[in-house]
Structure formats: structure tokens, C-alpha cells
Protein backbone atom coordinates (compact mmCIF):
# COMPACT_ATOMS: atom_id res chain seq x y z
CA MET A 1 59.68 101.68 155.51
CA ILE A 2 59.88 97.94 154.82
CA GLU A 3 59.13 98.18 151.45
CA SER A 4 61.69 101.69 151.30
CA GLY A 5 64.42 98.94 152.43
CA ILE A 6 63.11 96.25 149.88
CA GLN A 7 63.73 99.14 147.26
CA ARG A 8 67.17 99.78 148.46
CA GLN A 9 68.38 96.34 148.45
CA ASN A 10 66.71 95.81 144.85
CA SER A 11 68.96 98.66 143.83
CA LYS A 12 72.17 97.15 145.09
CA SER A 13 71.99 94.62 143.73
CA GLU A 14 71.08 95.47 140.26
CA GLN A 15 73.86 97.48 140.15
CA PRO A 16 76.57 95.21 140.02
CA ARG A 17 74.05 93.42 136.87
CA GLN A 18 74.22 97.05 135.02
CA ASP A 19 77.74 97.39 135.46
CA ILE A 20 78.60 93.32 133.71
CA ASN A 21 76.52 94.54 131.18
CA GLU A 22 78.28 97.29 130.65
CA LEU A 23 81.13 95.68 130.49
CA ILE A 24 80.14 92.95 128.24
CA ARG A 25 78.59 95.52 125.20
CA ALA A 26 81.96 96.88 125.72
CA ILE A 27 84.01 93.54 125.57
CA GLU A 28 81.82 92.55 122.87
CA ALA A 29 82.52 96.33 120.47
CA LEU A 30 85.62 96.66 121.00
CA SER A 31 86.25 92.99 119.58
CA SER A 32 84.48 93.89 116.71
CA ALA A 33 86.46 97.40 116.47
CA THR A 34 87.88 97.84 112.97
CA ASN A 35 90.12 101.34 113.99
CA LEU A 36 91.45 102.87 116.51
CA GLU A 37 89.29 105.98 116.98
CA ASP A 38 86.55 103.43 117.58
CA VAL A 39 88.75 101.91 120.64
CA ALA A 40 89.92 105.41 121.67
CA GLN A 41 86.23 106.64 121.97
CA LEU A 42 84.59 103.72 123.61
CA VAL A 43 86.97 102.91 126.41
CA PRO A 44 87.17 106.08 128.52
CA ASN A 45 83.60 106.69 128.19
CA THR A 46 83.26 103.06 129.39
CA ALA A 47 86.11 103.25 132.23
CA ARG A 48 84.65 106.13 133.59
CA SER A 49 81.11 104.58 133.51
CA LEU A 50 81.97 101.35 135.26
CA LEU A 51 83.99 103.62 137.97
CA LYS A 52 81.70 106.43 138.60
CA ALA A 53 84.64 108.35 137.99
CA ASP A 54 84.89 112.15 137.18
CA GLY A 55 86.95 111.65 133.99
CA ALA A 56 88.98 108.57 132.03
CA ALA A 57 91.74 108.63 129.48
CA LEU A 58 93.43 106.33 127.12
CA ILE A 59 97.02 106.14 126.70
CA LEU A 60 99.05 105.15 124.22
CA ARG A 61 102.86 104.53 123.76
CA GLN A 62 104.63 105.73 120.93
CA SER A 63 108.52 104.77 121.19
CA ASN A 64 109.50 106.48 124.31
CA ASP A 65 106.30 108.98 125.22
CA CYS A 66 103.14 108.63 126.48
CA ILE A 67 100.02 110.15 123.69
CA TYR A 68 97.17 110.61 125.75
CA VAL A 69 94.58 109.73 122.96
CA GLU A 70 91.30 110.34 124.12
CA GLU A 71 89.59 111.49 127.71
CA ASP A 72 86.13 111.24 128.39
CA ALA A 73 85.67 114.42 131.47
CA VAL A 74 83.52 117.23 131.60
CA ARG A 75 86.92 119.19 131.89
CA PRO A 76 89.45 116.92 130.20
CA PHE A 77 92.89 117.51 131.09
CA TRP A 78 95.43 115.04 129.28
CA LYS A 79 93.79 114.51 125.85
CA GLY A 80 96.24 115.26 123.28
CA ARG A 81 99.28 115.67 126.00
CA CYS A 82 102.86 113.58 124.64
CA ILE A 83 104.61 112.91 128.26
CA ALA A 84 107.93 110.99 128.87
CA LEU A 85 107.47 107.55 129.74
CA THR A 86 109.43 108.33 132.58
CA GLU A 87 107.96 111.56 133.66
CA CYS A 88 104.64 110.22 134.09
CA ALA A 89 102.51 108.15 135.81
CA ALA A 90 101.34 106.21 133.29
CA GLY A 91 104.41 105.90 131.87
CA TRP A 92 105.43 104.32 135.30
CA THR A 93 102.81 101.95 134.98
CA ILE A 94 103.82 101.00 131.39
CA LEU A 95 107.02 100.49 132.06
CA HIS A 96 107.07 98.49 135.44
CA LYS A 97 103.84 96.11 134.10
CA GLN A 98 102.00 97.06 136.74
CA ASN A 99 98.71 99.07 138.26
CA LEU A 100 99.41 102.35 140.17
CA VAL A 101 96.54 103.41 142.70
CA VAL A 102 97.07 106.40 144.57
CA PRO A 103 93.80 107.34 146.65
CA ASP A 104 95.10 110.76 147.66
CA LEU A 105 97.53 112.33 145.70
CA GLY A 106 97.71 115.36 147.92
CA ARG A 107 99.61 112.63 150.22
CA ASP A 108 101.67 111.50 147.93
CA ASP A 109 104.87 113.27 146.86
CA ARG A 110 106.62 110.89 144.29
CA PRO A 111 108.23 112.60 141.18
CA LEU A 112 106.21 110.46 138.89
CA LEU A 113 103.04 112.52 140.18
CA LYS A 114 104.15 116.05 139.47
CA ALA A 115 102.35 116.77 136.39
CA TYR A 116 98.94 116.45 138.75
CA ARG A 117 99.92 119.24 141.11
CA ARG A 118 98.49 121.39 138.34
CA THR A 119 95.01 119.69 138.26
CA PRO A 120 92.46 119.32 140.97
CA ILE A 121 92.77 115.81 140.62
CA ALA A 122 92.80 114.17 144.08
CA GLY A 123 92.33 110.10 143.33
CA THR A 124 93.40 107.82 140.24
CA VAL A 125 94.06 104.06 139.17
CA ILE A 126 96.02 103.47 136.38
CA VAL A 127 96.13 100.06 134.65
CA PRO A 128 98.75 98.88 131.76
CA VAL A 129 97.40 97.71 128.36
CA HIS A 130 99.08 94.37 127.77
CA ALA A 131 100.01 93.34 130.89
CA SER A 132 103.05 91.20 129.77
CA ASP A 133 104.03 93.99 126.47
CA PRO A 134 101.93 97.02 127.77
CA VAL A 135 100.92 99.21 124.24
CA GLY A 136 99.79 102.06 127.04
CA ALA A 137 97.08 102.10 129.69
CA ILE A 138 94.05 103.33 131.32
CA GLU A 139 93.42 106.14 133.78
CA VAL A 140 90.42 106.90 135.52
CA TYR A 141 90.65 109.51 138.31
CA TRP A 142 88.21 111.29 141.11
CA LEU A 143 87.94 115.28 141.72
CA ARG A 144 88.45 113.98 145.42
CA SER A 145 90.20 111.24 147.30
CA TYR A 146 88.90 107.71 146.32
CA GLN A 147 90.18 104.65 147.18
CA ALA A 148 88.79 101.73 144.85
CA SER A 149 88.08 98.77 145.89
CA SER A 150 89.55 95.31 144.61
CA GLN A 151 86.62 94.56 142.38
CA GLU A 152 86.75 98.44 140.41
CA ILE A 153 90.15 97.61 139.54
CA SER A 154 89.51 93.77 138.53
CA THR A 155 86.98 95.39 136.26
CA LEU A 156 88.90 97.98 134.91
CA GLN A 157 91.92 95.40 134.47
CA THR A 158 88.98 93.38 132.31
CA LEU A 159 88.62 96.19 129.97
CA ALA A 160 91.89 96.76 129.51
CA HIS A 161 92.55 93.34 128.71
CA ALA A 162 89.89 93.55 125.72
CA THR A 163 91.23 97.11 124.76
CA ALA A 164 94.95 94.41 124.21
CA SER A 165 93.10 92.69 122.24
CA ALA A 166 91.01 94.84 120.27
CA ILE A 167 94.85 97.35 119.35
CA GLU A 168 96.59 94.09 118.69
CA HIS A 169 93.66 92.66 116.07
CA ILE A 170 93.29 96.45 114.24
CA ARG A 171 97.20 96.69 114.31
CA LEU A 172 97.38 93.48 112.57
CA VAL A 173 94.73 93.52 110.04
CA ASP A 174 96.23 97.56 108.95
CA ALA A 175 99.77 95.68 108.51
CA LEU A 176 98.38 92.84 106.42
CA SER A 177 96.32 94.95 104.46
CA ARG A 178 99.14 97.44 103.26
CA ALA A 179 101.32 94.26 102.68
CA LEU A 180 98.53 93.30 100.44
CA THR A 181 98.41 96.67 98.75
CA ASP A 182 102.21 96.38 98.28
CA ALA A 183 102.00 92.93 96.98
CA GLU A 184 99.24 94.75 94.33
CA LEU A 185 101.28 97.42 93.69
CA ALA A 186 104.35 94.93 92.70
CA ARG A 187 102.34 92.90 90.65
CA ASP A 188 100.78 95.02 88.89
CA GLU A 189 103.91 96.61 88.20
CA LEU A 190 105.54 93.24 86.86
CA ARG A 191 102.89 92.94 84.78
CA HIS A 192 103.87 96.24 82.96
CA ARG A 193 107.22 95.19 82.44
CA VAL A 194 106.32 91.61 81.19
CA LYS A 195 104.36 93.59 78.65
CA ASN A 196 107.19 96.02 77.75
CA ALA A 197 109.83 92.97 77.34
CA TYR A 198 107.12 91.11 74.95
CA ALA A 199 106.93 94.55 73.30
CA ALA A 200 110.47 95.32 73.38
CA VAL A 201 111.48 91.74 71.70
CA GLN A 202 108.89 92.34 69.31
CA ALA A 203 110.04 95.53 67.99
CA LEU A 204 113.20 93.93 67.70
CA ALA A 205 112.99 91.23 65.74
CA GLN A 206 111.29 93.70 63.12
CA LEU A 207 114.05 95.66 63.45
CA SER A 208 116.47 92.87 63.11
CA LEU A 209 115.29 90.51 61.08
CA PRO A 210 114.24 89.47 57.44
CA PRO A 211 110.46 90.51 56.96
CA GLU A 212 109.17 86.84 56.60
CA HIS A 213 110.87 85.61 60.08
CA ALA A 214 109.97 89.04 61.93
CA HIS A 215 106.60 88.20 61.28
CA ALA A 216 106.61 84.25 62.51
CA LEU A 217 108.23 85.12 65.58
CA SER A 218 105.67 88.05 65.92
CA VAL A 219 102.97 86.08 65.87
CA ARG A 220 104.94 82.90 68.90
CA LEU A 221 105.25 86.21 70.95
CA MET A 222 101.80 87.88 70.85
CA ALA A 223 100.48 84.12 71.18
CA LEU A 224 102.89 83.59 74.25
CA ALA A 225 101.76 86.72 76.05
CA ARG A 226 98.37 86.20 75.16
CA ALA A 227 98.78 82.83 77.40
CA HIS A 228 100.46 84.96 80.12
CA GLN A 229 97.68 87.56 80.26
CA LEU A 230 94.92 85.05 79.97
CA LEU A 231 96.63 82.72 83.07
CA ASP A 232 97.58 86.21 85.24
CA HIS A 233 93.56 86.88 84.56
CA GLU A 234 92.51 83.49 85.96
CA LEU A 235 94.66 83.44 88.73
CA ALA A 236 93.85 86.85 89.82
CA HIS A 237 89.71 86.22 89.41
CA ARG A 238 89.47 82.69 90.30
CA ALA A 239 90.02 81.08 93.38
CA THR A 240 90.88 77.57 91.50
CA VAL A 241 92.30 76.54 87.87
CA ASP A 242 91.16 73.67 85.87
CA ILE A 243 94.38 71.70 85.30
CA ARG A 244 93.29 71.13 81.33
CA GLU A 245 92.97 75.02 80.85
CA LEU A 246 96.64 75.29 82.66
CA VAL A 247 98.16 72.81 79.96
CA SER A 248 96.74 74.33 77.02
CA THR A 249 97.26 77.94 77.98
CA GLU A 250 101.06 76.85 78.31
CA LEU A 251 101.27 74.83 75.24
CA GLU A 252 98.89 77.36 73.10
CA PRO A 253 101.51 79.61 72.38
CA TYR A 254 104.15 77.25 70.24
CA GLY A 255 101.58 77.85 67.44
CA PRO A 256 99.16 75.02 65.77
CA GLU A 257 101.73 72.81 64.10
CA ILE A 258 102.84 71.89 67.19
CA THR A 259 99.75 71.88 69.06
CA ASN A 260 98.38 69.20 66.81
CA ARG A 261 101.53 67.11 68.03
CA ILE A 262 100.37 67.69 71.53
CA GLN A 263 98.02 64.70 73.05
CA VAL A 264 96.13 65.98 76.22
CA ASP A 265 93.84 64.00 78.21
CA GLY A 266 92.97 64.07 81.73
CA ALA A 267 89.83 64.23 84.02
CA ALA A 268 88.24 67.87 85.17
CA LEU A 269 89.98 68.46 88.17
CA HIS A 270 90.47 72.07 89.68
CA ILE A 271 93.74 73.41 91.88
CA ASP A 272 94.02 76.83 93.93
CA GLY A 273 95.74 79.54 92.77
CA PRO A 274 99.17 79.31 94.18
CA ARG A 275 99.48 75.71 93.45
CA ALA A 276 98.69 76.34 89.63
CA VAL A 277 101.52 78.88 89.36
CA ALA A 278 104.04 76.83 90.69
CA LEU A 279 102.41 73.71 88.59
CA GLY A 280 102.58 76.43 85.47
CA LEU A 281 106.58 77.40 86.04
CA VAL A 282 106.94 73.51 85.40
CA LEU A 283 104.89 73.13 82.48
CA ASN A 284 106.49 76.29 80.87
CA GLU A 285 109.92 74.81 81.64
CA LEU A 286 109.18 71.64 80.03
CA ALA A 287 107.94 73.04 77.04
CA THR A 288 110.72 75.28 76.59
CA ASN A 289 113.36 71.92 76.78
CA ALA A 290 111.06 70.31 74.55
CA LEU A 291 111.14 73.08 72.19
CA LYS A 292 114.76 73.17 72.20
CA HIS A 293 115.89 69.95 73.20
CA GLY A 294 113.07 67.59 72.60
CA ALA A 295 110.31 66.35 70.57
CA LEU A 296 108.93 69.42 70.19
CA SER A 297 112.41 70.76 67.95
CA LYS A 298 111.67 68.22 65.38
CA SER A 299 108.79 68.39 62.85
CA GLU A 300 107.62 64.51 64.05
CA GLY A 301 108.26 64.69 67.45
CA ARG A 302 105.21 63.50 69.29
CA LEU A 303 104.12 64.96 73.11
CA MET A 304 101.87 63.59 75.32
CA VAL A 305 100.34 65.19 78.99
CA TYR A 306 98.12 63.22 80.72
CA TRP A 307 96.65 63.35 84.64
CA TRP A 308 95.03 61.09 87.29
CA VAL A 309 94.21 61.28 90.39
CA GLU A 310 95.02 58.05 92.81
CA ASN A 311 95.11 57.38 96.82
CA GLY A 312 94.95 61.05 97.74
CA TRP A 313 97.68 62.44 95.03
CA LEU A 314 97.55 64.16 91.32
CA SER A 315 100.22 62.97 89.23
CA LEU A 316 100.79 64.51 85.62
CA SER A 317 102.61 62.65 83.35
CA TRP A 318 104.93 64.68 80.61
CA VAL A 319 105.92 61.72 77.98
CA GLU A 320 108.17 63.13 74.49
CA ARG A 321 108.12 60.77 71.94
CA ASP A 322 110.06 60.78 68.48
CA GLY A 323 112.20 63.72 68.76
CA PRO A 324 116.00 63.48 68.82
CA GLU A 325 118.41 62.19 71.47
CA VAL A 326 118.72 63.34 74.43
CA LYS A 327 121.57 63.96 76.41
CA ALA A 328 120.92 64.35 80.45
CA ALA A 329 123.53 66.27 81.03
CA ALA A 330 122.12 69.03 78.64
CA ILE A 331 118.45 68.99 80.17
CA GLU A 332 120.18 69.11 83.88
CA ASN A 333 121.79 72.63 82.79
CA PHE A 334 118.07 73.83 81.61
CA GLY A 335 116.38 74.59 85.12
CA SER A 336 116.23 70.78 86.24
CA ARG A 337 117.30 72.18 89.52
CA LEU A 338 114.52 74.77 89.59
CA LEU A 339 111.91 72.05 88.67
CA ARG A 340 113.20 70.25 91.55
CA ARG A 341 112.88 72.77 93.52
CA ILE A 342 109.09 73.97 92.68
CA VAL A 343 108.15 70.11 93.10
CA GLU A 344 109.31 69.18 95.95
CA GLN A 345 109.58 72.21 98.18
CA GLN A 346 106.85 74.78 96.77
CA LEU A 347 104.35 71.63 95.70
CA ARG A 348 105.74 69.03 98.75
CA GLY A 349 105.55 67.01 96.15
CA GLN A 350 107.83 64.12 93.92
CA LEU A 351 109.28 64.38 90.81
CA GLU A 352 110.88 61.45 88.32
CA ARG A 353 112.60 62.13 85.30
CA ARG A 354 113.89 59.15 82.91
CA PHE A 355 115.69 59.68 79.95
CA GLU A 356 114.59 57.19 77.38
CA ALA A 357 115.65 56.66 73.79
CA SER A 358 112.44 57.42 72.24
CA GLY A 359 112.48 60.40 74.81
CA VAL A 360 112.00 62.54 77.69
CA GLU A 361 109.38 60.91 80.33
CA CYS A 362 108.42 63.32 83.49
CA ARG A 363 105.96 62.22 86.23
CA ILE A 364 104.74 64.98 88.92
CA SER A 365 103.05 63.93 91.97
CA ILE A 366 101.70 66.27 94.18
CA PRO A 367 98.92 66.12 96.93
CA PHE A 368 95.76 66.42 96.50
């Protein structure tokens, strides 16, 4: 008799420990769930097991309706049903952000419980999934009158909280995935349009210009297209870009007779893709201005580009020499605002431009 009593006592003490372990396993599984199907399978099964119930269901809110997405029971009553929020007990729980505990449905004639009158369910507990802004509910039920204890309700609330976190995580990942897919499609479309633009300009040049001029322009266009393609490839497949490679890529399209007049100097430094894109736009704008109005527009003009790191800042100097006299007002009309916006806002840096008699000098400093 003494041994039998000890065995019963051990059995009682083992059960709470088993329930806690089961709840912990469920929470761990929910934390790593990657889709709603896994959540829908796990939650009702765990809820039914923890509360020793005859059935359990996961309900998700969809606009003004409750969708009973999954149910674990010998004989499911709710799975697949869609009921208006205002016409079911789960909807009441979601709208009021409160638990609903009904020990004896036979003695409760509230209209929100009318759906149960067509089932043998006698007792139920429903808790909201995400207490502050419910996205659904978890329901457990019994085929007999049953008064759930405060511990059982607390356990169900813990499971509901973990379920809310899992659903929020899955939806966030799904939204980010869709956004990335849309961005990739937009980028591919932009690549296609840029490639077509190069081809169209090249074709127009061959149709409109004398052969000797058309050939020279086509060579430049092809070099510009190669530079764009190379930079795009580097940014798409590498996390960082070498500044020397970035500078060379931006200047190479202007032809060997110009690049021979360009001096590039600086240490091997890498910057991340987003900042490389921004800095590439700045270099492209500076090169375009130099070709139209600055040192690269004259055969004797020279360009020096060099960079260094000091006190946590990357500085890049663009110095033009032996070019035509530069008018500050003309330069201001060709991208000055764009340059300042990119450097100061996007790169969180500083831009200094000086218009000397000997040529334009520009210094860009960005946090490194």
C-alpha cells in the first residue's frame, strides 16, 4: 500500500514536468517554423495534448471572418469553416481581446454560442492569439462539462503568445521575400531597358552620322555599356567593391586617349555595394562634367583621382588641370545638386568643390 501511494505521488509530480517539456518543445518548434502550414499542424495538436481535451482548433482572422484553418480531434467539427467574427465565440475573443471560458455550454444561452448547439461539445476555452492585436485564436473543447483551471488557461495563453510570434515572423519573412522578388524583377527590367537604350543610340548613330564618326561613337558606346555591365555584375555578386576598380570602371569608357591623361592613386580599399553605387554615380557625374566643360574636353587636360583614409573617414580628391576656364554657374547647372544630395544625404559625407583658374577641384569625404 505504501509503495502504491508513492507511485501515485510520483505519477502526479511527473505529469506537470512532462507538460512543461511538451510546451517548451512546441515553443522551440514554433520559433523555427517557416510557413503557416507547420504552425497550423503543431498548435492544435499541442493544445489538445496539454489540456487533455477532446479537440482543439487554430482560428485565424481574415478581414471580418474567422477561418478555422486546422483542428485536432477524433471527429472535427470546425475545420475549414468560415464564420463571421460577430457570429462565433472565436470572433468574440478576437474582437474583445479576451479569453472566453465556458464550462457548460448547455447552461449558457448567449447568441455567440449558437454554433455549438449543433455539436456535442459541452465545455470550451478560447484564447486570443496576440493579446494586443489578435490575429486569431486557439480553442480547446471537451465533450463533457469542464472547468479549466487557471494553470491550464495560463498554459494555453503561453502557447498562444508563441503562436503569435511565429505567425508574425512568417508574415514578415513572406513580405520581405515578395519585396525582394519585386525589386529583383524591377532591376532586371531596368537592366534590359539600359541595354536597349545603348543599342538604340548605337543604331541611330550609324543611321545619322558619317561612317567615320558613327564608328568612333559606337566604340565609345560599347565601352560605356561594358563599364555599366561590369559594375552591375560586381555589385550583384560581391559584397564589396574595390575603389580603384570602381574609379577605373567609371573612367574607362572615355577611351584610351583620355585615360592616358588620367592619374589614379590610392590604397586597396573596399566599400559595400550600396555605397559603391552612390559613389559610382558621383564619379560618373564628375567625369561627364569634365568631358563636357572641364579638363577632359581638351587634349592637354589632365585628371588626378586619389584617395586615402584618415581618422575614420575615406577622402577622395578629384583634381582637374590644364582644362578650359571653368564657369561655376555652368557647372552648377549640370548636376551640382545631385552630387551634394548623394554625398551629404545618401553617403552621410561632405562635399567640397573649388573652381580654380587651373581647373575644378572636388573633395568627397565619407565615413569609413
